N, C-alpha and C. Protein backbone atom coordinates (compact mmCIF):
# COMPACT_ATOMS: atom_id res chain seq x y z
N MET A 1 -7.77 -7.41 -0.26
CA MET A 1 -8.09 -6.24 -1.07
C MET A 1 -9.10 -5.37 -0.32
N ASN A 2 -9.12 -4.08 -0.64
CA ASN A 2 -9.95 -3.14 0.09
C ASN A 2 -11.08 -2.59 -0.79
N LYS A 3 -12.30 -2.67 -0.29
CA LYS A 3 -13.43 -2.07 -0.98
C LYS A 3 -13.39 -0.56 -0.78
N ASN A 4 -14.02 0.16 -1.68
CA ASN A 4 -13.98 1.62 -1.63
C ASN A 4 -15.10 2.18 -0.75
N ARG A 5 -14.76 3.22 0.00
CA ARG A 5 -15.75 3.90 0.83
C ARG A 5 -16.33 5.09 0.09
N PHE A 6 -15.48 5.87 -0.56
CA PHE A 6 -15.97 7.01 -1.34
C PHE A 6 -14.91 7.42 -2.34
N ALA A 7 -15.32 8.16 -3.35
CA ALA A 7 -14.39 8.67 -4.37
C ALA A 7 -14.65 10.15 -4.59
N VAL A 8 -13.57 10.89 -4.83
CA VAL A 8 -13.65 12.31 -5.19
C VAL A 8 -13.07 12.43 -6.59
N LEU A 9 -13.87 12.94 -7.53
CA LEU A 9 -13.47 12.95 -8.93
C LEU A 9 -13.48 14.35 -9.52
N ALA A 10 -12.53 14.62 -10.40
CA ALA A 10 -12.45 15.90 -11.08
C ALA A 10 -13.63 16.05 -12.03
N PRO A 11 -14.03 17.30 -12.33
CA PRO A 11 -15.12 17.51 -13.29
C PRO A 11 -14.83 16.82 -14.61
N GLY A 12 -15.84 16.15 -15.13
CA GLY A 12 -15.67 15.43 -16.38
C GLY A 12 -15.34 13.97 -16.21
N PHE A 13 -15.05 13.56 -14.97
CA PHE A 13 -14.69 12.17 -14.71
C PHE A 13 -15.64 11.51 -13.71
N GLU A 14 -16.81 12.11 -13.55
CA GLU A 14 -17.79 11.55 -12.63
C GLU A 14 -18.21 10.13 -13.03
N HIS A 15 -18.09 9.83 -14.32
CA HIS A 15 -18.48 8.50 -14.80
C HIS A 15 -17.60 7.38 -14.24
N LEU A 16 -16.48 7.76 -13.60
CA LEU A 16 -15.60 6.74 -13.03
C LEU A 16 -16.10 6.22 -11.68
N SER A 17 -17.12 6.87 -11.14
CA SER A 17 -17.59 6.46 -9.81
C SER A 17 -18.10 5.02 -9.81
N TYR A 18 -18.77 4.62 -10.89
CA TYR A 18 -19.29 3.24 -10.95
C TYR A 18 -18.17 2.21 -11.06
N PRO A 19 -17.24 2.35 -12.03
CA PRO A 19 -16.17 1.35 -12.08
C PRO A 19 -15.30 1.35 -10.83
N LEU A 20 -15.11 2.50 -10.19
CA LEU A 20 -14.33 2.53 -8.95
C LEU A 20 -15.06 1.79 -7.84
N ASP A 21 -16.37 1.84 -7.85
CA ASP A 21 -17.14 1.14 -6.84
C ASP A 21 -17.05 -0.37 -7.05
N ARG A 22 -16.83 -0.79 -8.30
CA ARG A 22 -16.75 -2.22 -8.61
C ARG A 22 -15.36 -2.80 -8.40
N HIS A 23 -14.32 -1.93 -8.42
CA HIS A 23 -12.94 -2.41 -8.32
C HIS A 23 -12.38 -2.16 -6.92
N ASP A 24 -11.63 -3.10 -6.41
CA ASP A 24 -10.98 -2.93 -5.12
C ASP A 24 -9.90 -1.86 -5.22
N ALA A 25 -9.76 -1.07 -4.18
CA ALA A 25 -8.72 -0.06 -4.11
C ALA A 25 -7.44 -0.68 -3.60
N ALA A 26 -6.40 -0.65 -4.40
CA ALA A 26 -5.12 -1.24 -4.01
C ALA A 26 -4.01 -0.62 -4.83
N GLU A 27 -2.81 -0.61 -4.29
CA GLU A 27 -1.65 -0.08 -4.99
C GLU A 27 -1.45 -0.82 -6.31
N GLY A 28 -1.38 -0.06 -7.40
CA GLY A 28 -1.13 -0.66 -8.70
C GLY A 28 -2.37 -1.20 -9.40
N ALA A 29 -3.53 -1.09 -8.76
CA ALA A 29 -4.76 -1.56 -9.40
C ALA A 29 -5.01 -0.73 -10.66
N ALA A 30 -5.61 -1.36 -11.66
CA ALA A 30 -5.87 -0.66 -12.93
C ALA A 30 -7.20 -1.11 -13.51
N PHE A 31 -7.80 -0.24 -14.28
CA PHE A 31 -9.06 -0.59 -14.94
C PHE A 31 -9.22 0.28 -16.19
N SER A 32 -10.12 -0.13 -17.05
CA SER A 32 -10.40 0.62 -18.28
C SER A 32 -11.85 1.09 -18.28
N GLU A 33 -12.07 2.26 -18.84
CA GLU A 33 -13.42 2.80 -18.94
C GLU A 33 -13.47 3.76 -20.13
N ARG A 34 -14.41 3.54 -21.01
CA ARG A 34 -14.59 4.37 -22.20
C ARG A 34 -13.30 4.49 -23.00
N SER A 35 -12.67 3.37 -23.22
CA SER A 35 -11.44 3.26 -24.04
C SER A 35 -10.24 3.96 -23.42
N GLU A 36 -10.32 4.31 -22.14
CA GLU A 36 -9.19 4.90 -21.44
C GLU A 36 -8.77 4.00 -20.29
N ARG A 37 -7.48 4.02 -19.97
CA ARG A 37 -6.95 3.22 -18.87
C ARG A 37 -6.66 4.13 -17.68
N PHE A 38 -6.88 3.60 -16.49
CA PHE A 38 -6.62 4.34 -15.26
C PHE A 38 -5.92 3.43 -14.27
N SER A 39 -5.11 4.02 -13.40
CA SER A 39 -4.40 3.25 -12.40
C SER A 39 -4.49 3.95 -11.05
N LEU A 40 -4.32 3.18 -9.98
CA LEU A 40 -4.39 3.70 -8.62
C LEU A 40 -3.03 3.62 -7.95
N SER A 41 -2.67 4.68 -7.25
CA SER A 41 -1.42 4.72 -6.50
C SER A 41 -1.71 5.26 -5.11
N ARG A 42 -1.13 4.64 -4.11
CA ARG A 42 -1.38 5.05 -2.72
C ARG A 42 -0.81 6.44 -2.45
N ALA A 43 -1.59 7.25 -1.75
CA ALA A 43 -1.14 8.56 -1.30
C ALA A 43 -0.92 8.52 0.21
N GLN A 44 -0.08 9.40 0.71
CA GLN A 44 0.21 9.40 2.15
C GLN A 44 -1.03 9.73 2.97
N SER A 45 -1.89 10.59 2.43
CA SER A 45 -3.07 11.03 3.15
C SER A 45 -4.04 11.68 2.18
N GLU A 46 -5.23 11.98 2.65
CA GLU A 46 -6.19 12.66 1.79
C GLU A 46 -5.72 14.06 1.39
N PRO A 47 -5.10 14.84 2.31
CA PRO A 47 -4.56 16.13 1.88
C PRO A 47 -3.52 16.01 0.76
N HIS A 48 -2.69 14.96 0.80
CA HIS A 48 -1.72 14.74 -0.27
C HIS A 48 -2.44 14.46 -1.59
N ALA A 49 -3.49 13.68 -1.53
CA ALA A 49 -4.26 13.38 -2.73
C ALA A 49 -4.94 14.63 -3.26
N GLN A 50 -5.47 15.45 -2.36
CA GLN A 50 -6.10 16.70 -2.78
C GLN A 50 -5.08 17.62 -3.43
N MET A 51 -3.88 17.67 -2.87
CA MET A 51 -2.82 18.51 -3.43
C MET A 51 -2.43 18.04 -4.83
N ALA A 52 -2.43 16.72 -5.03
CA ALA A 52 -2.10 16.18 -6.35
C ALA A 52 -3.10 16.67 -7.39
N LEU A 53 -4.37 16.73 -7.02
CA LEU A 53 -5.39 17.21 -7.95
C LEU A 53 -5.23 18.70 -8.22
N VAL A 54 -4.99 19.47 -7.18
CA VAL A 54 -4.87 20.92 -7.32
C VAL A 54 -3.66 21.31 -8.14
N SER A 55 -2.55 20.60 -7.96
CA SER A 55 -1.30 20.97 -8.63
C SER A 55 -1.04 20.17 -9.90
N SER A 56 -2.05 19.46 -10.39
CA SER A 56 -1.85 18.56 -11.53
C SER A 56 -1.35 19.28 -12.77
N GLU A 57 -1.82 20.50 -13.02
CA GLU A 57 -1.38 21.22 -14.22
C GLU A 57 0.10 21.54 -14.15
N GLY A 58 0.58 21.96 -12.99
CA GLY A 58 1.99 22.31 -12.85
C GLY A 58 2.91 21.12 -12.89
N LEU A 59 2.37 19.93 -12.61
CA LEU A 59 3.20 18.71 -12.58
C LEU A 59 2.97 17.82 -13.80
N SER A 60 2.18 18.31 -14.76
CA SER A 60 1.84 17.48 -15.91
C SER A 60 3.05 17.09 -16.74
N GLU A 61 4.11 17.88 -16.66
CA GLU A 61 5.35 17.55 -17.37
C GLU A 61 5.98 16.28 -16.81
N HIS A 62 5.79 16.06 -15.52
CA HIS A 62 6.50 14.99 -14.83
C HIS A 62 5.65 13.77 -14.52
N ALA A 63 4.34 13.92 -14.43
CA ALA A 63 3.50 12.82 -13.95
C ALA A 63 2.22 12.68 -14.75
N SER A 64 1.64 11.50 -14.63
CA SER A 64 0.36 11.23 -15.28
C SER A 64 -0.72 12.14 -14.69
N GLU A 65 -1.78 12.35 -15.44
CA GLU A 65 -2.84 13.26 -15.01
C GLU A 65 -3.72 12.62 -13.95
N PRO A 66 -3.81 13.24 -12.75
CA PRO A 66 -4.72 12.72 -11.73
C PRO A 66 -6.14 13.17 -12.03
N VAL A 67 -7.09 12.27 -11.89
CA VAL A 67 -8.49 12.61 -12.18
C VAL A 67 -9.37 12.44 -10.94
N GLY A 68 -8.77 12.09 -9.82
CA GLY A 68 -9.53 11.96 -8.59
C GLY A 68 -8.79 11.09 -7.60
N TYR A 69 -9.45 10.77 -6.51
CA TYR A 69 -8.87 9.84 -5.54
C TYR A 69 -9.99 9.05 -4.88
N VAL A 70 -9.62 7.92 -4.32
CA VAL A 70 -10.60 7.03 -3.71
C VAL A 70 -10.13 6.62 -2.33
N CYS A 71 -11.07 6.46 -1.42
CA CYS A 71 -10.76 6.02 -0.05
C CYS A 71 -11.18 4.56 0.09
N ALA A 72 -10.23 3.72 0.48
CA ALA A 72 -10.52 2.29 0.68
C ALA A 72 -11.24 2.06 2.00
N GLU A 73 -11.73 0.87 2.17
CA GLU A 73 -12.48 0.53 3.37
C GLU A 73 -11.66 0.70 4.64
N ASP A 74 -10.35 0.44 4.52
CA ASP A 74 -9.49 0.57 5.71
C ASP A 74 -8.97 1.98 5.90
N GLY A 75 -9.43 2.92 5.08
CA GLY A 75 -9.01 4.31 5.22
C GLY A 75 -7.87 4.72 4.30
N GLY A 76 -7.27 3.77 3.60
CA GLY A 76 -6.19 4.10 2.67
C GLY A 76 -6.69 4.98 1.53
N ILE A 77 -5.85 5.92 1.13
CA ILE A 77 -6.21 6.85 0.06
C ILE A 77 -5.39 6.53 -1.18
N PHE A 78 -6.05 6.46 -2.33
CA PHE A 78 -5.38 6.14 -3.59
C PHE A 78 -5.73 7.17 -4.65
N VAL A 79 -4.71 7.71 -5.29
CA VAL A 79 -4.92 8.67 -6.37
C VAL A 79 -5.22 7.91 -7.65
N VAL A 80 -6.20 8.38 -8.38
CA VAL A 80 -6.59 7.77 -9.66
C VAL A 80 -6.03 8.63 -10.79
N CYS A 81 -5.23 8.02 -11.64
CA CYS A 81 -4.60 8.76 -12.75
C CYS A 81 -4.87 8.08 -14.08
N ARG A 82 -4.87 8.89 -15.14
CA ARG A 82 -4.91 8.31 -16.48
C ARG A 82 -3.64 7.49 -16.67
N SER A 83 -3.77 6.38 -17.33
CA SER A 83 -2.61 5.52 -17.60
C SER A 83 -2.34 5.54 -19.10
N GLU A 84 -1.21 6.14 -19.48
CA GLU A 84 -0.92 6.34 -20.90
C GLU A 84 0.28 5.53 -21.39
N GLY A 85 0.92 4.79 -20.52
CA GLY A 85 2.11 4.04 -20.94
C GLY A 85 2.19 2.69 -20.24
N ARG A 86 3.40 2.13 -20.23
CA ARG A 86 3.63 0.82 -19.62
C ARG A 86 4.61 0.94 -18.46
N LYS A 87 4.40 0.15 -17.42
CA LYS A 87 5.30 0.14 -16.29
C LYS A 87 6.59 -0.60 -16.66
N GLY A 88 7.59 -0.43 -15.80
CA GLY A 88 8.89 -1.05 -16.07
C GLY A 88 8.83 -2.54 -16.30
N GLY A 89 7.97 -3.24 -15.54
CA GLY A 89 7.86 -4.67 -15.68
C GLY A 89 7.24 -5.11 -16.99
N GLU A 90 6.65 -4.18 -17.72
CA GLU A 90 5.99 -4.49 -18.99
C GLU A 90 6.85 -4.10 -20.20
N ILE A 91 8.03 -3.55 -19.92
CA ILE A 91 8.89 -3.09 -21.00
C ILE A 91 9.59 -4.26 -21.67
N ALA A 92 9.58 -4.28 -23.00
CA ALA A 92 10.24 -5.34 -23.75
C ALA A 92 11.75 -5.25 -23.58
N GLN A 93 12.42 -6.36 -23.76
CA GLN A 93 13.87 -6.43 -23.58
C GLN A 93 14.60 -5.38 -24.40
N ASP A 94 14.18 -5.20 -25.65
CA ASP A 94 14.90 -4.27 -26.53
C ASP A 94 14.59 -2.81 -26.24
N GLU A 95 13.69 -2.54 -25.28
CA GLU A 95 13.35 -1.17 -24.91
C GLU A 95 13.94 -0.77 -23.56
N ARG A 96 14.56 -1.72 -22.89
CA ARG A 96 15.00 -1.46 -21.52
C ARG A 96 16.07 -0.37 -21.43
N ALA A 97 16.96 -0.31 -22.41
CA ALA A 97 18.00 0.73 -22.39
C ALA A 97 17.37 2.11 -22.50
N SER A 98 16.42 2.26 -23.43
CA SER A 98 15.74 3.55 -23.61
C SER A 98 14.93 3.90 -22.37
N PHE A 99 14.30 2.89 -21.78
CA PHE A 99 13.50 3.12 -20.58
C PHE A 99 14.38 3.61 -19.42
N SER A 100 15.51 2.95 -19.21
CA SER A 100 16.41 3.33 -18.11
C SER A 100 16.91 4.76 -18.29
N LEU A 101 17.27 5.11 -19.50
CA LEU A 101 17.74 6.47 -19.77
C LEU A 101 16.62 7.47 -19.50
N ALA A 102 15.40 7.13 -19.90
CA ALA A 102 14.26 8.03 -19.70
C ALA A 102 13.98 8.25 -18.22
N VAL A 103 14.16 7.20 -17.42
CA VAL A 103 13.94 7.32 -15.96
C VAL A 103 14.95 8.29 -15.35
N MET A 104 16.22 8.16 -15.74
CA MET A 104 17.24 9.06 -15.19
C MET A 104 17.03 10.49 -15.66
N LYS A 105 16.57 10.67 -16.89
CA LYS A 105 16.28 12.02 -17.39
C LYS A 105 15.11 12.63 -16.62
N ARG A 106 14.10 11.82 -16.30
CA ARG A 106 12.97 12.35 -15.54
C ARG A 106 13.41 12.76 -14.15
N LEU A 107 14.23 11.93 -13.51
CA LEU A 107 14.71 12.28 -12.17
C LEU A 107 15.53 13.57 -12.22
N ALA A 108 16.38 13.69 -13.22
CA ALA A 108 17.20 14.90 -13.35
C ALA A 108 16.33 16.13 -13.58
N SER A 109 15.29 15.98 -14.37
CA SER A 109 14.40 17.10 -14.64
C SER A 109 13.68 17.54 -13.38
N LEU A 110 13.23 16.59 -12.58
CA LEU A 110 12.60 16.91 -11.30
C LEU A 110 13.56 17.67 -10.39
N HIS A 111 14.77 17.16 -10.26
CA HIS A 111 15.76 17.80 -9.38
C HIS A 111 16.13 19.18 -9.87
N THR A 112 16.24 19.35 -11.16
CA THR A 112 16.58 20.66 -11.72
C THR A 112 15.53 21.70 -11.39
N GLN A 113 14.28 21.28 -11.33
CA GLN A 113 13.18 22.20 -11.04
C GLN A 113 12.87 22.30 -9.55
N GLY A 114 13.71 21.67 -8.72
CA GLY A 114 13.54 21.79 -7.28
C GLY A 114 12.57 20.81 -6.66
N PHE A 115 12.29 19.71 -7.36
CA PHE A 115 11.38 18.69 -6.84
C PHE A 115 12.12 17.43 -6.43
N GLY A 116 11.57 16.74 -5.44
CA GLY A 116 12.07 15.43 -5.05
C GLY A 116 10.95 14.43 -5.19
N CYS A 117 11.29 13.14 -5.10
CA CYS A 117 10.27 12.10 -5.24
C CYS A 117 10.61 10.86 -4.41
N GLY A 118 11.73 10.90 -3.69
CA GLY A 118 12.16 9.75 -2.92
C GLY A 118 12.91 8.71 -3.73
N GLY A 119 13.21 9.05 -4.97
CA GLY A 119 13.86 8.09 -5.86
C GLY A 119 12.81 7.36 -6.69
N LEU A 120 13.21 6.88 -7.87
CA LEU A 120 12.27 6.22 -8.77
C LEU A 120 12.57 4.74 -8.90
N THR A 121 11.52 3.96 -8.97
CA THR A 121 11.64 2.53 -9.28
C THR A 121 10.92 2.30 -10.60
N PRO A 122 11.24 1.24 -11.32
CA PRO A 122 10.58 0.99 -12.60
C PRO A 122 9.06 0.96 -12.52
N ASP A 123 8.52 0.42 -11.43
CA ASP A 123 7.07 0.33 -11.31
C ASP A 123 6.42 1.65 -10.89
N ALA A 124 7.22 2.66 -10.62
CA ALA A 124 6.68 3.96 -10.22
C ALA A 124 6.49 4.89 -11.41
N VAL A 125 6.94 4.45 -12.58
CA VAL A 125 6.85 5.31 -13.77
C VAL A 125 6.21 4.55 -14.93
N GLU A 126 5.68 5.32 -15.87
CA GLU A 126 5.14 4.76 -17.10
C GLU A 126 6.00 5.23 -18.26
N PHE A 127 6.10 4.40 -19.27
CA PHE A 127 6.95 4.68 -20.41
C PHE A 127 6.08 4.78 -21.66
N ALA A 128 6.11 5.95 -22.30
CA ALA A 128 5.33 6.16 -23.52
C ALA A 128 6.05 7.17 -24.39
N GLY A 129 6.22 6.84 -25.66
CA GLY A 129 6.88 7.76 -26.57
C GLY A 129 8.30 8.08 -26.17
N LYS A 130 9.01 7.09 -25.62
CA LYS A 130 10.40 7.24 -25.16
C LYS A 130 10.54 8.23 -24.01
N GLU A 131 9.45 8.48 -23.31
CA GLU A 131 9.47 9.39 -22.16
C GLU A 131 8.91 8.68 -20.95
N ALA A 132 9.55 8.89 -19.80
CA ALA A 132 9.09 8.29 -18.55
C ALA A 132 8.41 9.36 -17.70
N LYS A 133 7.23 9.04 -17.21
CA LYS A 133 6.50 9.93 -16.31
C LYS A 133 6.10 9.17 -15.06
N LEU A 134 6.07 9.86 -13.94
CA LEU A 134 5.63 9.22 -12.70
C LEU A 134 4.16 8.84 -12.83
N ILE A 135 3.80 7.68 -12.31
CA ILE A 135 2.42 7.23 -12.38
C ILE A 135 1.53 8.11 -11.52
N SER A 136 2.04 8.52 -10.38
CA SER A 136 1.24 9.36 -9.48
C SER A 136 2.00 10.63 -9.10
N PRO A 137 1.38 11.80 -9.25
CA PRO A 137 2.03 13.05 -8.85
C PRO A 137 2.09 13.24 -7.34
N SER A 138 1.38 12.39 -6.59
CA SER A 138 1.31 12.59 -5.13
C SER A 138 2.64 12.32 -4.44
N VAL A 139 3.59 11.65 -5.12
CA VAL A 139 4.89 11.38 -4.50
C VAL A 139 5.89 12.51 -4.72
N ILE A 140 5.52 13.49 -5.53
CA ILE A 140 6.42 14.62 -5.81
C ILE A 140 6.29 15.66 -4.72
N PHE A 141 7.42 16.19 -4.26
CA PHE A 141 7.41 17.22 -3.23
C PHE A 141 8.49 18.26 -3.53
N ALA A 142 8.33 19.42 -2.96
CA ALA A 142 9.32 20.48 -3.15
C ALA A 142 10.51 20.24 -2.22
N LEU A 143 11.70 20.30 -2.77
CA LEU A 143 12.91 20.14 -1.97
C LEU A 143 13.17 21.40 -1.16
N HIS A 144 13.57 21.21 0.08
CA HIS A 144 13.90 22.34 0.94
C HIS A 144 15.41 22.59 0.89
N GLU A 145 15.78 23.79 1.23
CA GLU A 145 17.20 24.15 1.23
C GLU A 145 17.98 23.20 2.14
N GLY A 146 19.07 22.69 1.65
CA GLY A 146 19.90 21.78 2.42
C GLY A 146 19.62 20.32 2.14
N GLU A 147 18.49 20.01 1.50
CA GLU A 147 18.20 18.61 1.16
C GLU A 147 19.02 18.21 -0.06
N THR A 148 19.63 17.05 0.02
CA THR A 148 20.47 16.59 -1.08
C THR A 148 19.70 15.65 -2.00
N THR A 149 20.01 15.73 -3.28
CA THR A 149 19.38 14.83 -4.26
C THR A 149 20.23 13.57 -4.47
N TYR A 150 21.36 13.52 -3.82
CA TYR A 150 22.31 12.42 -4.01
C TYR A 150 21.68 11.06 -3.77
N TYR A 151 20.98 10.91 -2.66
CA TYR A 151 20.43 9.61 -2.30
C TYR A 151 19.31 9.18 -3.25
N GLU A 152 18.56 10.14 -3.77
CA GLU A 152 17.53 9.79 -4.75
C GLU A 152 18.16 9.27 -6.03
N ALA A 153 19.26 9.90 -6.44
CA ALA A 153 19.95 9.45 -7.66
C ALA A 153 20.53 8.05 -7.47
N VAL A 154 21.17 7.82 -6.33
CA VAL A 154 21.75 6.50 -6.05
C VAL A 154 20.65 5.45 -5.95
N SER A 155 19.58 5.78 -5.26
CA SER A 155 18.48 4.84 -5.08
C SER A 155 17.87 4.46 -6.43
N THR A 156 17.74 5.42 -7.33
CA THR A 156 17.16 5.14 -8.64
C THR A 156 18.08 4.25 -9.47
N LEU A 157 19.36 4.51 -9.44
CA LEU A 157 20.32 3.65 -10.14
C LEU A 157 20.25 2.23 -9.61
N ARG A 158 20.22 2.11 -8.29
CA ARG A 158 20.14 0.79 -7.66
C ARG A 158 18.87 0.06 -8.08
N ALA A 159 17.74 0.78 -8.11
CA ALA A 159 16.45 0.16 -8.45
C ALA A 159 16.44 -0.35 -9.89
N LEU A 160 17.04 0.39 -10.80
CA LEU A 160 17.06 -0.03 -12.20
C LEU A 160 17.84 -1.34 -12.37
N VAL A 161 18.95 -1.46 -11.64
CA VAL A 161 19.75 -2.69 -11.74
C VAL A 161 19.09 -3.83 -10.97
N SER A 162 18.63 -3.58 -9.77
CA SER A 162 18.04 -4.63 -8.95
C SER A 162 16.80 -5.23 -9.60
N SER A 163 16.07 -4.43 -10.37
CA SER A 163 14.87 -4.91 -11.03
C SER A 163 15.18 -5.68 -12.30
N GLY A 164 16.42 -5.60 -12.77
CA GLY A 164 16.80 -6.27 -14.00
C GLY A 164 16.57 -5.45 -15.25
N VAL A 165 16.08 -4.23 -15.09
CA VAL A 165 15.86 -3.37 -16.25
C VAL A 165 17.18 -2.90 -16.84
N ALA A 166 18.17 -2.66 -15.97
CA ALA A 166 19.51 -2.27 -16.40
C ALA A 166 20.52 -3.23 -15.77
N SER A 167 21.74 -3.19 -16.27
CA SER A 167 22.81 -4.02 -15.72
C SER A 167 23.84 -3.13 -15.03
N GLU A 168 24.72 -3.72 -14.26
CA GLU A 168 25.76 -2.95 -13.59
C GLU A 168 26.64 -2.23 -14.61
N ALA A 169 26.82 -2.85 -15.78
CA ALA A 169 27.64 -2.23 -16.82
C ALA A 169 27.00 -0.96 -17.37
N ASP A 170 25.69 -0.81 -17.17
CA ASP A 170 24.97 0.37 -17.66
C ASP A 170 25.11 1.57 -16.72
N LEU A 171 25.53 1.33 -15.49
CA LEU A 171 25.52 2.39 -14.48
C LEU A 171 26.31 3.64 -14.87
N PRO A 172 27.54 3.54 -15.40
CA PRO A 172 28.26 4.76 -15.77
C PRO A 172 27.50 5.64 -16.76
N ARG A 173 26.90 5.00 -17.75
CA ARG A 173 26.15 5.78 -18.74
C ARG A 173 24.92 6.42 -18.12
N LEU A 174 24.20 5.67 -17.28
CA LEU A 174 23.01 6.21 -16.65
C LEU A 174 23.34 7.38 -15.72
N ALA A 175 24.43 7.23 -14.98
CA ALA A 175 24.87 8.32 -14.10
C ALA A 175 25.26 9.55 -14.91
N SER A 176 25.92 9.33 -16.03
CA SER A 176 26.34 10.45 -16.89
C SER A 176 25.14 11.19 -17.46
N VAL A 177 24.12 10.45 -17.85
CA VAL A 177 22.91 11.07 -18.40
C VAL A 177 22.26 11.97 -17.35
N TYR A 178 22.21 11.49 -16.12
CA TYR A 178 21.64 12.29 -15.02
C TYR A 178 22.47 13.55 -14.80
N LEU A 179 23.78 13.41 -14.70
CA LEU A 179 24.65 14.54 -14.39
C LEU A 179 24.72 15.56 -15.51
N SER A 180 24.58 15.11 -16.75
CA SER A 180 24.70 16.02 -17.89
C SER A 180 23.42 16.79 -18.16
N HIS A 181 22.36 16.47 -17.43
CA HIS A 181 21.08 17.14 -17.68
C HIS A 181 21.13 18.63 -17.39
N SER A 182 21.80 19.00 -16.29
CA SER A 182 21.87 20.42 -15.93
C SER A 182 22.97 20.65 -14.90
N PRO A 183 23.43 21.90 -14.79
CA PRO A 183 24.43 22.24 -13.76
C PRO A 183 23.91 21.97 -12.36
N VAL A 184 22.60 22.05 -12.17
CA VAL A 184 22.01 21.81 -10.85
C VAL A 184 22.31 20.38 -10.39
N CYS A 185 22.12 19.42 -11.27
CA CYS A 185 22.37 18.03 -10.91
C CYS A 185 23.84 17.80 -10.56
N ARG A 186 24.72 18.32 -11.39
CA ARG A 186 26.16 18.14 -11.14
C ARG A 186 26.58 18.80 -9.84
N HIS A 187 26.10 20.02 -9.62
CA HIS A 187 26.49 20.76 -8.42
C HIS A 187 26.06 20.03 -7.15
N GLU A 188 24.84 19.54 -7.13
CA GLU A 188 24.32 18.86 -5.93
C GLU A 188 25.14 17.62 -5.59
N ILE A 189 25.49 16.85 -6.62
CA ILE A 189 26.24 15.62 -6.37
C ILE A 189 27.67 15.93 -5.94
N VAL A 190 28.31 16.87 -6.62
CA VAL A 190 29.68 17.25 -6.27
C VAL A 190 29.73 17.79 -4.85
N GLN A 191 28.77 18.63 -4.49
CA GLN A 191 28.72 19.20 -3.14
C GLN A 191 28.59 18.11 -2.09
N HIS A 192 27.74 17.13 -2.35
CA HIS A 192 27.55 16.06 -1.38
C HIS A 192 28.83 15.24 -1.22
N LEU A 193 29.45 14.88 -2.33
CA LEU A 193 30.68 14.09 -2.26
C LEU A 193 31.79 14.83 -1.53
N GLN A 194 31.91 16.12 -1.80
CA GLN A 194 32.93 16.92 -1.12
C GLN A 194 32.66 17.01 0.38
N SER A 195 31.37 17.12 0.73
CA SER A 195 31.03 17.21 2.16
C SER A 195 31.37 15.92 2.91
N LYS A 196 31.42 14.82 2.18
CA LYS A 196 31.77 13.53 2.78
C LYS A 196 33.26 13.22 2.64
N GLY A 197 34.00 14.16 2.06
CA GLY A 197 35.43 13.97 1.89
C GLY A 197 35.80 12.94 0.85
N LYS A 198 34.89 12.69 -0.09
CA LYS A 198 35.16 11.69 -1.12
C LYS A 198 35.80 12.34 -2.34
N LYS A 199 36.76 11.64 -2.92
CA LYS A 199 37.44 12.14 -4.10
C LYS A 199 36.95 11.39 -5.33
N GLY A 200 37.34 11.88 -6.49
CA GLY A 200 36.91 11.25 -7.73
C GLY A 200 35.79 12.04 -8.39
N THR A 201 35.35 11.58 -9.54
CA THR A 201 34.33 12.30 -10.29
C THR A 201 32.94 12.06 -9.71
N ALA A 202 32.02 12.94 -10.05
CA ALA A 202 30.64 12.78 -9.60
C ALA A 202 30.04 11.49 -10.13
N ARG A 203 30.36 11.17 -11.38
CA ARG A 203 29.84 9.93 -11.97
C ARG A 203 30.33 8.71 -11.20
N ASP A 204 31.61 8.67 -10.91
CA ASP A 204 32.17 7.54 -10.19
C ASP A 204 31.57 7.42 -8.79
N GLY A 205 31.32 8.57 -8.17
CA GLY A 205 30.72 8.56 -6.84
C GLY A 205 29.34 7.94 -6.84
N LEU A 206 28.52 8.29 -7.83
CA LEU A 206 27.17 7.73 -7.94
C LEU A 206 27.23 6.23 -8.21
N VAL A 207 28.09 5.85 -9.15
CA VAL A 207 28.19 4.43 -9.53
C VAL A 207 28.68 3.59 -8.36
N GLU A 208 29.70 4.05 -7.66
CA GLU A 208 30.25 3.28 -6.53
C GLU A 208 29.22 3.12 -5.42
N SER A 209 28.46 4.18 -5.14
CA SER A 209 27.44 4.07 -4.10
C SER A 209 26.33 3.11 -4.50
N ALA A 210 25.91 3.18 -5.76
CA ALA A 210 24.86 2.28 -6.23
C ALA A 210 25.34 0.82 -6.19
N MET A 211 26.56 0.59 -6.60
CA MET A 211 27.13 -0.77 -6.58
C MET A 211 27.22 -1.31 -5.16
N ARG A 212 27.47 -0.43 -4.21
CA ARG A 212 27.66 -0.85 -2.83
C ARG A 212 26.35 -1.35 -2.21
N ILE A 213 25.21 -0.77 -2.60
CA ILE A 213 23.95 -1.15 -1.96
C ILE A 213 23.15 -2.15 -2.78
N ILE A 214 23.50 -2.39 -4.04
CA ILE A 214 22.74 -3.33 -4.88
C ILE A 214 22.65 -4.72 -4.25
N PRO A 215 23.72 -5.28 -3.68
CA PRO A 215 23.62 -6.64 -3.11
C PRO A 215 22.64 -6.77 -1.95
N TYR A 216 22.22 -5.65 -1.36
CA TYR A 216 21.35 -5.73 -0.19
C TYR A 216 19.87 -5.63 -0.58
N PHE A 217 19.57 -5.62 -1.88
CA PHE A 217 18.18 -5.53 -2.32
C PHE A 217 17.85 -6.66 -3.26
């Protein structure tokens, strides 16, 4: 585990400096302070963490609120966010279907607004009020022209099944939920499949690709 070297905190959250000094900085670390929960997620760099803080208002629809970042002893940077829900591994059996659908809806919403995230895994999102939000906004980036969302959609479907949150039988429905979110989602997937010379529906294309890579994870 890594001890903290310094922390940068948003106004109003200076009181977190003491608990952050007491807790090791690590991916997925969590702590409570003044009846609120907070979690740490690794950022690519300090500029990425700074950007997460600056753009937090614009990304509040998609991600938990960042309140600062901390630098570990080895130089690793971790964004500190309010924790308002439960991770995929904490979801009860009878909530897994709703959770999986919420994850695909969040991914579709990101793609519709021109954002990417590298694909979602159950542990990368929190579930609260039947809505899934990314734990850390630092993984969100603007998609550039020509970048396809296909692989993020396939990767997310694969992660839901590989983690045991969803089953292979759930894939058609999950793919349909993603595709039905907006014309943007459907267009991107259809365009990618056509560019690869693949026939069949967009839903079948997503499901077949996810099924093909599931055994390797």
